[in-house]
PDB file of N, CA and C in Angstrom:
ATOM      1  N   MET A   1      45.171 -81.621 171.505  1.00  0.00           N
ATOM      2  CA  MET A   1      44.540 -81.354 172.791  1.00  0.00           C
ATOM      3  C   MET A   1      43.095 -80.936 172.534  1.00  0.00           C
ATOM      4  N   SER A   2      42.210 -81.504 173.264  1.00  0.00           N
ATOM      5  CA  SER A   2      40.810 -81.145 173.082  1.00  0.00           C
ATOM      6  C   SER A   2      40.449 -79.962 173.985  1.00  0.00           C
ATOM      7  N   GLU A   3      39.251 -79.486 173.800  1.00  0.00           N
ATOM      8  CA  GLU A   3      38.761 -78.384 174.616  1.00  0.00           C
ATOM      9  C   GLU A   3      38.515 -78.868 176.044  1.00  0.00           C
ATOM     10  N   VAL A   4      38.774 -78.004 176.999  1.00  0.00           N
ATOM     11  CA  VAL A   4      38.553 -78.311 178.412  1.00  0.00           C
ATOM     12  C   VAL A   4      37.327 -77.534 178.871  1.00  0.00           C
ATOM     13  N   VAL A   5      36.399 -78.217 179.525  1.00  0.00           N
ATOM     14  CA  VAL A   5      35.245 -77.537 180.099  1.00  0.00           C
ATOM     15  C   VAL A   5      35.707 -76.860 181.388  1.00  0.00           C
ATOM     16  N   ILE A   6      35.576 -75.539 181.423  1.00  0.00           N
ATOM     17  CA  ILE A   6      36.026 -74.764 182.579  1.00  0.00           C
ATOM     18  C   ILE A   6      34.838 -74.493 183.500  1.00  0.00           C
ATOM     19  N   THR A   7      35.026 -74.816 184.766  1.00  0.00           N
ATOM     20  CA  THR A   7      34.000 -74.588 185.782  1.00  0.00           C
ATOM     21  C   THR A   7      34.634 -73.808 186.938  1.00  0.00           C
ATOM     22  N   LYS A   8      33.800 -73.337 187.846  1.00  0.00           N
ATOM     23  CA  LYS A   8      34.367 -72.630 189.006  1.00  0.00           C
ATOM     24  C   LYS A   8      35.227 -73.582 189.830  1.00  0.00           C
ATOM     25  N   GLU A   9      34.926 -74.881 189.772  1.00  0.00           N
ATOM     26  CA  GLU A   9      35.684 -75.864 190.537  1.00  0.00           C
ATOM     27  C   GLU A   9      37.091 -76.087 189.976  1.00  0.00           C
ATOM     28  N   ASN A  10      37.255 -76.038 188.660  1.00  0.00           N
ATOM     29  CA  ASN A  10      38.577 -76.312 188.086  1.00  0.00           C
ATOM     30  C   ASN A  10      39.269 -75.050 187.553  1.00  0.00           C
ATOM     31  N   PHE A  11      38.647 -73.878 187.731  1.00  0.00           N
ATOM     32  CA  PHE A  11      39.187 -72.643 187.166  1.00  0.00           C
ATOM     33  C   PHE A  11      40.602 -72.335 187.650  1.00  0.00           C
ATOM     34  N   ASP A  12      40.848 -72.435 188.949  1.00  0.00           N
ATOM     35  CA  ASP A  12      42.184 -72.114 189.462  1.00  0.00           C
ATOM     36  C   ASP A  12      43.250 -73.003 188.832  1.00  0.00           C
ATOM     37  N   GLU A  13      42.993 -74.309 188.793  1.00  0.00           N
ATOM     38  CA  GLU A  13      43.966 -75.252 188.229  1.00  0.00           C
ATOM     39  C   GLU A  13      44.144 -75.062 186.729  1.00  0.00           C
ATOM     40  N   GLU A  14      43.038 -74.929 186.008  1.00  0.00           N
ATOM     41  CA  GLU A  14      43.091 -74.901 184.542  1.00  0.00           C
ATOM     42  C   GLU A  14      43.443 -73.535 183.962  1.00  0.00           C
ATOM     43  N   VAL A  15      43.148 -72.446 184.691  1.00  0.00           N
ATOM     44  CA  VAL A  15      43.346 -71.102 184.131  1.00  0.00           C
ATOM     45  C   VAL A  15      44.202 -70.221 185.042  1.00  0.00           C
ATOM     46  N   ARG A  16      43.709 -69.876 186.217  1.00  0.00           N
ATOM     47  CA  ARG A  16      44.371 -68.873 187.065  1.00  0.00           C
ATOM     48  C   ARG A  16      45.813 -69.247 187.401  1.00  0.00           C
ATOM     49  N   ASN A  17      46.057 -70.481 187.788  1.00  0.00           N
ATOM     50  CA  ASN A  17      47.395 -70.888 188.219  1.00  0.00           C
ATOM     51  C   ASN A  17      48.182 -71.595 187.123  1.00  0.00           C
ATOM     52  N   TYR A  18      47.611 -71.704 185.936  1.00  0.00           N
ATOM     53  CA  TYR A  18      48.272 -72.402 184.832  1.00  0.00           C
ATOM     54  C   TYR A  18      49.364 -71.515 184.246  1.00  0.00           C
ATOM     55  N   ARG A  19      50.532 -72.078 184.066  1.00  0.00           N
ATOM     56  CA  ARG A  19      51.641 -71.367 183.436  1.00  0.00           C
ATOM     57  C   ARG A  19      52.098 -72.198 182.244  1.00  0.00           C
ATOM     58  N   GLY A  20      52.355 -71.538 181.155  1.00  0.00           N
ATOM     59  CA  GLY A  20      52.783 -72.260 179.960  1.00  0.00           C
ATOM     60  C   GLY A  20      52.110 -71.699 178.730  1.00  0.00           C
ATOM     61  N   LEU A  21      51.315 -72.517 178.084  1.00  0.00           N
ATOM     62  CA  LEU A  21      50.657 -72.124 176.847  1.00  0.00           C
ATOM     63  C   LEU A  21      49.638 -71.011 177.085  1.00  0.00           C
ATOM     64  N   PRO A  22      49.422 -70.176 176.060  1.00  0.00           N
ATOM     65  CA  PRO A  22      48.299 -69.240 176.171  1.00  0.00           C
ATOM     66  C   PRO A  22      46.993 -70.038 176.220  1.00  0.00           C
ATOM     67  N   ILE A  23      45.983 -69.471 176.865  1.00  0.00           N
ATOM     68  CA  ILE A  23      44.676 -70.133 176.990  1.00  0.00           C
ATOM     69  C   ILE A  23      43.649 -69.295 176.246  1.00  0.00           C
ATOM     70  N   LEU A  24      42.870 -69.957 175.405  1.00  0.00           N
ATOM     71  CA  LEU A  24      41.733 -69.324 174.742  1.00  0.00           C
ATOM     72  C   LEU A  24      40.482 -69.775 175.469  1.00  0.00           C
ATOM     73  N   LEU A  25      39.793 -68.840 176.109  1.00  0.00           N
ATOM     74  CA  LEU A  25      38.526 -69.148 176.786  1.00  0.00           C
ATOM     75  C   LEU A  25      37.382 -68.699 175.899  1.00  0.00           C
ATOM     76  N   ASP A  26      36.446 -69.605 175.665  1.00  0.00           N
ATOM     77  CA  ASP A  26      35.250 -69.320 174.871  1.00  0.00           C
ATOM     78  C   ASP A  26      34.054 -69.299 175.816  1.00  0.00           C
ATOM     79  N   PHE A  27      33.530 -68.096 176.081  1.00  0.00           N
ATOM     80  CA  PHE A  27      32.326 -67.947 176.893  1.00  0.00           C
ATOM     81  C   PHE A  27      31.130 -68.035 175.952  1.00  0.00           C
ATOM     82  N   TRP A  28      30.231 -68.991 176.195  1.00  0.00           N
ATOM     83  CA  TRP A  28      29.159 -69.290 175.252  1.00  0.00           C
ATOM     84  C   TRP A  28      27.903 -69.764 175.988  1.00  0.00           C
ATOM     85  N   ALA A  29      26.821 -69.929 175.218  1.00  0.00           N
ATOM     86  CA  ALA A  29      25.576 -70.521 175.728  1.00  0.00           C
ATOM     87  C   ALA A  29      24.908 -71.283 174.585  1.00  0.00           C
ATOM     88  N   GLY A  30      24.159 -72.302 174.948  1.00  0.00           N
ATOM     89  CA  GLY A  30      23.509 -73.154 173.953  1.00  0.00           C
ATOM     90  C   GLY A  30      22.423 -72.467 173.151  1.00  0.00           C
ATOM     91  N   TRP A  31      21.850 -71.383 173.677  1.00  0.00           N
ATOM     92  CA  TRP A  31      20.770 -70.676 172.991  1.00  0.00           C
ATOM     93  C   TRP A  31      21.301 -69.566 172.085  1.00  0.00           C
ATOM     94  N   CYS A  32      22.597 -69.361 172.059  1.00  0.00           N
ATOM     95  CA  CYS A  32      23.227 -68.254 171.337  1.00  0.00           C
ATOM     96  C   CYS A  32      23.659 -68.699 169.942  1.00  0.00           C
ATOM     97  N   GLY A  33      22.988 -68.169 168.918  1.00  0.00           N
ATOM     98  CA  GLY A  33      23.303 -68.545 167.535  1.00  0.00           C
ATOM     99  C   GLY A  33      24.747 -68.304 167.150  1.00  0.00           C
ATOM    100  N   PRO A  34      25.286 -67.095 167.367  1.00  0.00           N
ATOM    101  CA  PRO A  34      26.694 -66.857 167.028  1.00  0.00           C
ATOM    102  C   PRO A  34      27.652 -67.778 167.800  1.00  0.00           C
ATOM    103  N   CYS A  35      27.269 -68.149 169.032  1.00  0.00           N
ATOM    104  CA  CYS A  35      28.098 -69.080 169.812  1.00  0.00           C
ATOM    105  C   CYS A  35      28.154 -70.444 169.127  1.00  0.00           C
ATOM    106  N   MET A  36      27.004 -70.873 168.605  1.00  0.00           N
ATOM    107  CA  MET A  36      26.947 -72.163 167.925  1.00  0.00           C
ATOM    108  C   MET A  36      27.766 -72.135 166.630  1.00  0.00           C
ATOM    109  N   MET A  37      27.819 -70.983 165.982  1.00  0.00           N
ATOM    110  CA  MET A  37      28.636 -70.839 164.774  1.00  0.00           C
ATOM    111  C   MET A  37      30.125 -70.831 165.131  1.00  0.00           C
ATOM    112  N   LEU A  38      30.472 -70.240 166.259  1.00  0.00           N
ATOM    113  CA  LEU A  38      31.869 -70.122 166.668  1.00  0.00           C
ATOM    114  C   LEU A  38      32.408 -71.433 167.245  1.00  0.00           C
ATOM    115  N   GLY A  39      31.548 -72.242 167.827  1.00  0.00           N
ATOM    116  CA  GLY A  39      31.979 -73.490 168.466  1.00  0.00           C
ATOM    117  C   GLY A  39      32.865 -74.361 167.605  1.00  0.00           C
ATOM    118  N   PRO A  40      32.471 -74.657 166.347  1.00  0.00           N
ATOM    119  CA  PRO A  40      33.324 -75.487 165.497  1.00  0.00           C
ATOM    120  C   PRO A  40      34.670 -74.828 165.171  1.00  0.00           C
ATOM    121  N   VAL A  41      34.691 -73.505 165.083  1.00  0.00           N
ATOM    122  CA  VAL A  41      35.942 -72.779 164.830  1.00  0.00           C
ATOM    123  C   VAL A  41      36.888 -72.984 166.015  1.00  0.00           C
ATOM    124  N   VAL A  42      36.361 -72.830 167.221  1.00  0.00           N
ATOM    125  CA  VAL A  42      37.161 -73.007 168.434  1.00  0.00           C
ATOM    126  C   VAL A  42      37.654 -74.453 168.532  1.00  0.00           C
ATOM    127  N   ALA A  43      36.800 -75.413 168.192  1.00  0.00           N
ATOM    128  CA  ALA A  43      37.194 -76.824 168.224  1.00  0.00           C
ATOM    129  C   ALA A  43      38.327 -77.101 167.238  1.00  0.00           C
ATOM    130  N   GLU A  44      38.248 -76.504 166.041  1.00  0.00           N
ATOM    131  CA  GLU A  44      39.324 -76.666 165.050  1.00  0.00           C
ATOM    132  C   GLU A  44      40.632 -76.088 165.566  1.00  0.00           C
ATOM    133  N   ILE A  45      40.566 -74.947 166.217  1.00  0.00           N
ATOM    134  CA  ILE A  45      41.779 -74.325 166.754  1.00  0.00           C
ATOM    135  C   ILE A  45      42.388 -75.221 167.836  1.00  0.00           C
ATOM    136  N   ALA A  46      41.535 -75.786 168.690  1.00  0.00           N
ATOM    137  CA  ALA A  46      42.025 -76.688 169.735  1.00  0.00           C
ATOM    138  C   ALA A  46      42.765 -77.870 169.114  1.00  0.00           C
ATOM    139  N   GLU A  47      42.248 -78.375 168.012  1.00  0.00           N
ATOM    140  CA  GLU A  47      42.865 -79.523 167.347  1.00  0.00           C
ATOM    141  C   GLU A  47      44.106 -79.113 166.556  1.00  0.00           C
ATOM    142  N   ASP A  48      43.969 -78.054 165.744  1.00  0.00           N
ATOM    143  CA  ASP A  48      45.066 -77.641 164.866  1.00  0.00           C
ATOM    144  C   ASP A  48      46.269 -77.098 165.617  1.00  0.00           C
ATOM    145  N   PHE A  49      46.030 -76.488 166.775  1.00  0.00           N
ATOM    146  CA  PHE A  49      47.118 -75.852 167.518  1.00  0.00           C
ATOM    147  C   PHE A  49      47.394 -76.538 168.854  1.00  0.00           C
ATOM    148  N   ALA A  50      47.099 -77.834 168.919  1.00  0.00           N
ATOM    149  CA  ALA A  50      47.405 -78.616 170.123  1.00  0.00           C
ATOM    150  C   ALA A  50      48.898 -78.484 170.400  1.00  0.00           C
ATOM    151  N   GLY A  51      49.227 -78.233 171.655  1.00  0.00           N
ATOM    152  CA  GLY A  51      50.623 -78.044 172.024  1.00  0.00           C
ATOM    153  C   GLY A  51      51.084 -76.603 171.911  1.00  0.00           C
ATOM    154  N   LYS A  52      50.250 -75.736 171.309  1.00  0.00           N
ATOM    155  CA  LYS A  52      50.589 -74.315 171.180  1.00  0.00           C
ATOM    156  C   LYS A  52      49.610 -73.423 171.932  1.00  0.00           C
ATOM    157  N   VAL A  53      48.401 -73.941 172.149  1.00  0.00           N
ATOM    158  CA  VAL A  53      47.373 -73.180 172.872  1.00  0.00           C
ATOM    159  C   VAL A  53      46.466 -74.167 173.612  1.00  0.00           C
ATOM    160  N   LYS A  54      46.015 -73.752 174.777  1.00  0.00           N
ATOM    161  CA  LYS A  54      45.041 -74.527 175.547  1.00  0.00           C
ATOM    162  C   LYS A  54      43.695 -73.854 175.334  1.00  0.00           C
ATOM    163  N   VAL A  55      42.660 -74.641 175.084  1.00  0.00           N
ATOM    164  CA  VAL A  55      41.336 -74.087 174.805  1.00  0.00           C
ATOM    165  C   VAL A  55      40.350 -74.526 175.886  1.00  0.00           C
ATOM    166  N   GLY A  56      39.669 -73.534 176.457  1.00  0.00           N
ATOM    167  CA  GLY A  56      38.672 -73.803 177.485  1.00  0.00           C
ATOM    168  C   GLY A  56      37.312 -73.256 177.083  1.00  0.00           C
ATOM    169  N   LYS A  57      36.262 -73.987 177.407  1.00  0.00           N
ATOM    170  CA  LYS A  57      34.886 -73.589 177.117  1.00  0.00           C
ATOM    171  C   LYS A  57      34.182 -73.286 178.432  1.00  0.00           C
ATOM    172  N   VAL A  58      33.534 -72.115 178.502  1.00  0.00           N
ATOM    173  CA  VAL A  58      32.800 -71.714 179.697  1.00  0.00           C
ATOM    174  C   VAL A  58      31.353 -71.462 179.303  1.00  0.00           C
ATOM    175  N   ASN A  59      30.452 -72.329 179.763  1.00  0.00           N
ATOM    176  CA  ASN A  59      29.025 -72.146 179.516  1.00  0.00           C
ATOM    177  C   ASN A  59      28.518 -71.121 180.531  1.00  0.00           C
ATOM    178  N   VAL A  60      28.122 -69.938 180.037  1.00  0.00           N
ATOM    179  CA  VAL A  60      27.743 -68.847 180.946  1.00  0.00           C
ATOM    180  C   VAL A  60      26.482 -69.160 181.751  1.00  0.00           C
ATOM    181  N   ASP A  61      25.608 -70.007 181.228  1.00  0.00           N
ATOM    182  CA  ASP A  61      24.403 -70.379 181.973  1.00  0.00           C
ATOM    183  C   ASP A  61      24.735 -71.308 183.136  1.00  0.00           C
ATOM    184  N   GLU A  62      25.718 -72.175 182.939  1.00  0.00           N
ATOM    185  CA  GLU A  62      26.105 -73.134 183.981  1.00  0.00           C
ATOM    186  C   GLU A  62      27.151 -72.563 184.932  1.00  0.00           C
ATOM    187  N   GLN A  63      27.853 -71.511 184.502  1.00  0.00           N
ATOM    188  CA  GLN A  63      28.931 -70.927 185.299  1.00  0.00           C
ATOM    189  C   GLN A  63      28.745 -69.413 185.464  1.00  0.00           C
ATOM    190  N   PRO A  64      27.637 -68.992 186.086  1.00  0.00           N
ATOM    191  CA  PRO A  64      27.375 -67.556 186.200  1.00  0.00           C
ATOM    192  C   PRO A  64      28.442 -66.811 187.014  1.00  0.00           C
ATOM    193  N   GLU A  65      29.085 -67.498 187.962  1.00  0.00           N
ATOM    194  CA  GLU A  65      30.127 -66.838 188.752  1.00  0.00           C
ATOM    195  C   GLU A  65      31.318 -66.461 187.876  1.00  0.00           C
ATOM    196  N   LEU A  66      31.709 -67.365 186.975  1.00  0.00           N
ATOM    197  CA  LEU A  66      32.830 -67.066 186.072  1.00  0.00           C
ATOM    198  C   LEU A  66      32.442 -65.981 185.081  1.00  0.00           C
ATOM    199  N   ALA A  67      31.214 -66.044 184.580  1.00  0.00           N
ATOM    200  CA  ALA A  67      30.749 -65.009 183.653  1.00  0.00           C
ATOM    201  C   ALA A  67      30.794 -63.643 184.339  1.00  0.00           C
ATOM    202  N   ALA A  68      30.393 -63.590 185.591  1.00  0.00           N
ATOM    203  CA  ALA A  68      30.420 -62.326 186.336  1.00  0.00           C
ATOM    204  C   ALA A  68      31.854 -61.878 186.590  1.00  0.00           C
ATOM    205  N   ALA A  69      32.723 -62.821 186.937  1.00  0.00           N
ATOM    206  CA  ALA A  69      34.117 -62.479 187.219  1.00  0.00           C
ATOM    207  C   ALA A  69      34.810 -61.887 185.991  1.00  0.00           C
ATOM    208  N   PHE A  70      34.433 -62.356 184.804  1.00  0.00           N
ATOM    209  CA  PHE A  70      35.014 -61.845 183.562  1.00  0.00           C
ATOM    210  C   PHE A  70      34.183 -60.700 182.971  1.00  0.00           C
ATOM    211  N   ARG A  71      33.148 -60.272 183.711  1.00  0.00           N
ATOM    212  CA  ARG A  71      32.275 -59.182 183.286  1.00  0.00           C
ATOM    213  C   ARG A  71      31.703 -59.422 181.886  1.00  0.00           C
ATOM    214  N   VAL A  72      31.234 -60.647 181.668  1.00  0.00           N
ATOM    215  CA  VAL A  72      30.660 -61.002 180.368  1.00  0.00           C
ATOM    216  C   VAL A  72      29.316 -60.302 180.220  1.00  0.00           C
ATOM    217  N   GLU A  73      29.200 -59.470 179.214  1.00  0.00           N
ATOM    218  CA  GLU A  73      27.950 -58.779 178.918  1.00  0.00           C
ATOM    219  C   GLU A  73      27.347 -59.252 177.608  1.00  0.00           C
ATOM    220  N   SER A  74      28.199 -59.700 176.690  1.00  0.00           N
ATOM    221  CA  SER A  74      27.757 -60.214 175.392  1.00  0.00           C
ATOM    222  C   SER A  74      28.532 -61.483 175.081  1.00  0.00           C
ATOM    223  N   ILE A  75      27.865 -62.393 174.400  1.00  0.00           N
ATOM    224  CA  ILE A  75      28.513 -63.638 173.986  1.00  0.00           C
ATOM    225  C   ILE A  75      28.267 -63.849 172.498  1.00  0.00           C
ATOM    226  N   PRO A  76      29.119 -64.616 171.837  1.00  0.00           N
ATOM    227  CA  PRO A  76      30.302 -65.256 172.381  1.00  0.00           C
ATOM    228  C   PRO A  76      31.386 -64.242 172.732  1.00  0.00           C
ATOM    229  N   LEU A  77      32.125 -64.576 173.768  1.00  0.00           N
ATOM    230  CA  LEU A  77      33.267 -63.771 174.186  1.00  0.00           C
ATOM    231  C   LEU A  77      34.488 -64.672 174.196  1.00  0.00           C
ATOM    232  N   LEU A  78      35.509 -64.273 173.467  1.00  0.00           N
ATOM    233  CA  LEU A  78      36.780 -64.985 173.478  1.00  0.00           C
ATOM    234  C   LEU A  78      37.755 -64.181 174.319  1.00  0.00           C
ATOM    235  N   VAL A  79      38.419 -64.866 175.253  1.00  0.00           N
ATOM    236  CA  VAL A  79      39.393 -64.217 176.128  1.00  0.00           C
ATOM    237  C   VAL A  79      40.695 -65.002 176.040  1.00  0.00           C
ATOM    238  N   VAL A  80      41.785 -64.289 175.812  1.00  0.00           N
ATOM    239  CA  VAL A  80      43.109 -64.921 175.792  1.00  0.00           C
ATOM    240  C   VAL A  80      43.773 -64.623 177.132  1.00  0.00           C
ATOM    241  N   VAL A  81      44.177 -65.690 177.816  1.00  0.00           N
ATOM    242  CA  VAL A  81      44.820 -65.583 179.124  1.00  0.00           C
ATOM    243  C   VAL A  81      46.231 -66.154 179.012  1.00  0.00           C
ATOM    244  N   LYS A  82      47.199 -65.423 179.544  1.00  0.00           N
ATOM    245  CA  LYS A  82      48.586 -65.895 179.555  1.00  0.00           C
ATOM    246  C   LYS A  82      49.121 -65.720 180.968  1.00  0.00           C
ATOM    247  N   ASP A  83      49.589 -66.808 181.558  1.00  0.00           N
ATOM    248  CA  ASP A  83      50.137 -66.788 182.917  1.00  0.00           C
ATOM    249  C   ASP A  83      49.192 -66.123 183.913  1.00  0.00           C
ATOM    250  N   GLY A  84      47.898 -66.430 183.797  1.00  0.00           N
ATOM    251  CA  GLY A  84      46.901 -65.955 184.744  1.00  0.00           C
ATOM    252  C   GLY A  84      46.352 -64.566 184.485  1.00  0.00           C
ATOM    253  N   ALA A  85      46.843 -63.888 183.434  1.00  0.00           N
ATOM    254  CA  ALA A  85      46.392 -62.523 183.142  1.00  0.00           C
ATOM    255  C   ALA A  85      45.684 -62.468 181.789  1.00  0.00           C
ATOM    256  N   ILE A  86      44.611 -61.670 181.727  1.00  0.00           N
ATOM    257  CA  ILE A  86      43.911 -61.460 180.459  1.00  0.00           C
ATOM    258  C   ILE A  86      44.787 -60.575 179.576  1.00  0.00           C
ATOM    259  N   VAL A  87      45.063 -61.043 178.347  1.00  0.00           N
ATOM    260  CA  VAL A  87      45.893 -60.245 177.440  1.00  0.00           C
ATOM    261  C   VAL A  87      45.104 -59.694 176.257  1.00  0.00           C
ATOM    262  N   LYS A  88      44.024 -60.380 175.870  1.00  0.00           N
ATOM    263  CA  LYS A  88      43.184 -59.906 174.762  1.00  0.00           C
ATOM    264  C   LYS A  88      41.787 -60.478 174.946  1.00  0.00           C
ATOM    265  N   GLN A  89      40.812 -59.803 174.311  1.00  0.00           N
ATOM    266  CA  GLN A  89      39.463 -60.356 174.271  1.00  0.00           C
ATOM    267  C   GLN A  89      38.717 -59.798 173.071  1.00  0.00           C
ATOM    268  N   ALA A  90      37.719 -60.550 172.631  1.00  0.00           N
ATOM    269  CA  ALA A  90      36.919 -60.144 171.474  1.00  0.00           C
ATOM    270  C   ALA A  90      35.509 -60.689 171.648  1.00  0.00           C
ATOM    271  N   VAL A  91      34.518 -59.848 171.322  1.00  0.00           N
ATOM    272  CA  VAL A  91      33.117 -60.229 171.421  1.00  0.00           C
ATOM    273  C   VAL A  91      32.576 -60.509 170.026  1.00  0.00           C
ATOM    274  N   GLY A  92      31.739 -61.545 169.922  1.00  0.00           N
ATOM    275  CA  GLY A  92      31.073 -61.850 168.662  1.00  0.00           C
ATOM    276  C   GLY A  92      31.772 -62.937 167.870  1.00  0.00           C
ATOM    277  N   TYR A  93      31.094 -63.357 166.815  1.00  0.00           N
ATOM    278  CA  TYR A  93      31.641 -64.397 165.951  1.00  0.00           C
ATOM    279  C   TYR A  93      32.931 -63.909 165.308  1.00  0.00           C
ATOM    280  N   ARG A  94      33.888 -64.799 165.193  1.00  0.00           N
ATOM    281  CA  ARG A  94      35.154 -64.524 164.516  1.00  0.00           C
ATOM    282  C   ARG A  94      35.467 -65.698 163.595  1.00  0.00           C
ATOM    283  N   SER A  95      36.073 -65.387 162.463  1.00  0.00           N
ATOM    284  CA  SER A  95      36.525 -66.453 161.561  1.00  0.00           C
ATOM    285  C   SER A  95      37.727 -67.145 162.199  1.00  0.00           C
ATOM    286  N   LYS A  96      38.076 -68.293 161.672  1.00  0.00           N
ATOM    287  CA  LYS A  96      39.228 -69.028 162.185  1.00  0.00           C
ATOM    288  C   LYS A  96      40.486 -68.167 162.096  1.00  0.00           C
ATOM    289  N   ASP A  97      40.678 -67.505 160.970  1.00  0.00           N
ATOM    290  CA  ASP A  97      41.861 -66.651 160.809  1.00  0.00           C
ATOM    291  C   ASP A  97      41.872 -65.524 161.837  1.00  0.00           C
ATOM    292  N   ALA A  98      40.717 -64.944 162.127  1.00  0.00           N
ATOM    293  CA  ALA A  98      40.647 -63.861 163.101  1.00  0.00           C
ATOM    294  C   ALA A  98      40.977 -64.365 164.508  1.00  0.00           C
ATOM    295  N   VAL A  99      40.552 -65.581 164.839  1.00  0.00           N
ATOM    296  CA  VAL A  99      40.854 -66.149 166.158  1.00  0.00           C
ATOM    297  C   VAL A  99      42.343 -66.467 166.256  1.00  0.00           C
ATOM    298  N   ILE A 100      42.906 -66.979 165.173  1.00  0.00           N
ATOM    299  CA  ILE A 100      44.344 -67.259 165.151  1.00  0.00           C
ATOM    300  C   ILE A 100      45.128 -65.966 165.351  1.00  0.00           C
ATOM    301  N   GLU A 101      44.673 -64.902 164.693  1.00  0.00           N
ATOM    302  CA  GLU A 101      45.312 -63.594 164.844  1.00  0.00           C
ATOM    303  C   GLU A 101      45.185 -63.079 166.288  1.00  0.00           C
ATOM    304  N   LEU A 102      44.005 -63.263 166.882  1.00  0.00           N
ATOM    305  CA  LEU A 102      43.779 -62.868 168.269  1.00  0.00           C
ATOM    306  C   LEU A 102      44.778 -63.566 169.199  1.00  0.00           C
ATOM    307  N   LEU A 103      45.054 -64.810 168.891  1.00  0.00           N
ATOM    308  CA  LEU A 103      45.987 -65.605 169.702  1.00  0.00           C
ATOM    309  C   LEU A 103      47.449 -65.258 169.411  1.00  0.00           C
ATOM    310  N   GLY A 104      47.692 -64.583 168.302  1.00  0.00           N
ATOM    311  CA  GLY A 104      49.062 -64.262 167.917  1.00  0.00           C
ATOM    312  C   GLY A 104      49.824 -65.463 167.396  1.00  0.00           C
ATOM    313  N   LEU A 105      49.107 -66.395 166.790  1.00  0.00           N
ATOM    314  CA  LEU A 105      49.751 -67.606 166.252  1.00  0.00           C
ATOM    315  C   LEU A 105      50.046 -67.482 164.771  1.00  0.00           C
TER     316      LEU A 105
END
């Protein structure tokens, strides 16, 4: 499963009302160095754990409403959502192993 671009238009369908796999949301921006370092890690997780986790990317510059709703103050921000509820979150670059641990996989 590849990464899904999350927007305010598809948020309810892809995240809020989604039941099943845990969702890893990556809040990022193109000008953010640590975000650019984390991007390939998140992409690997989406590929390696297809069928076990859903991965969504939220560009905070393009989706300021979602960034505000999640109270994003620093990026990159990883948020784990399960059945519409936030269960974990972490700010800053994380290694692949640390992201896997965050997901509980």
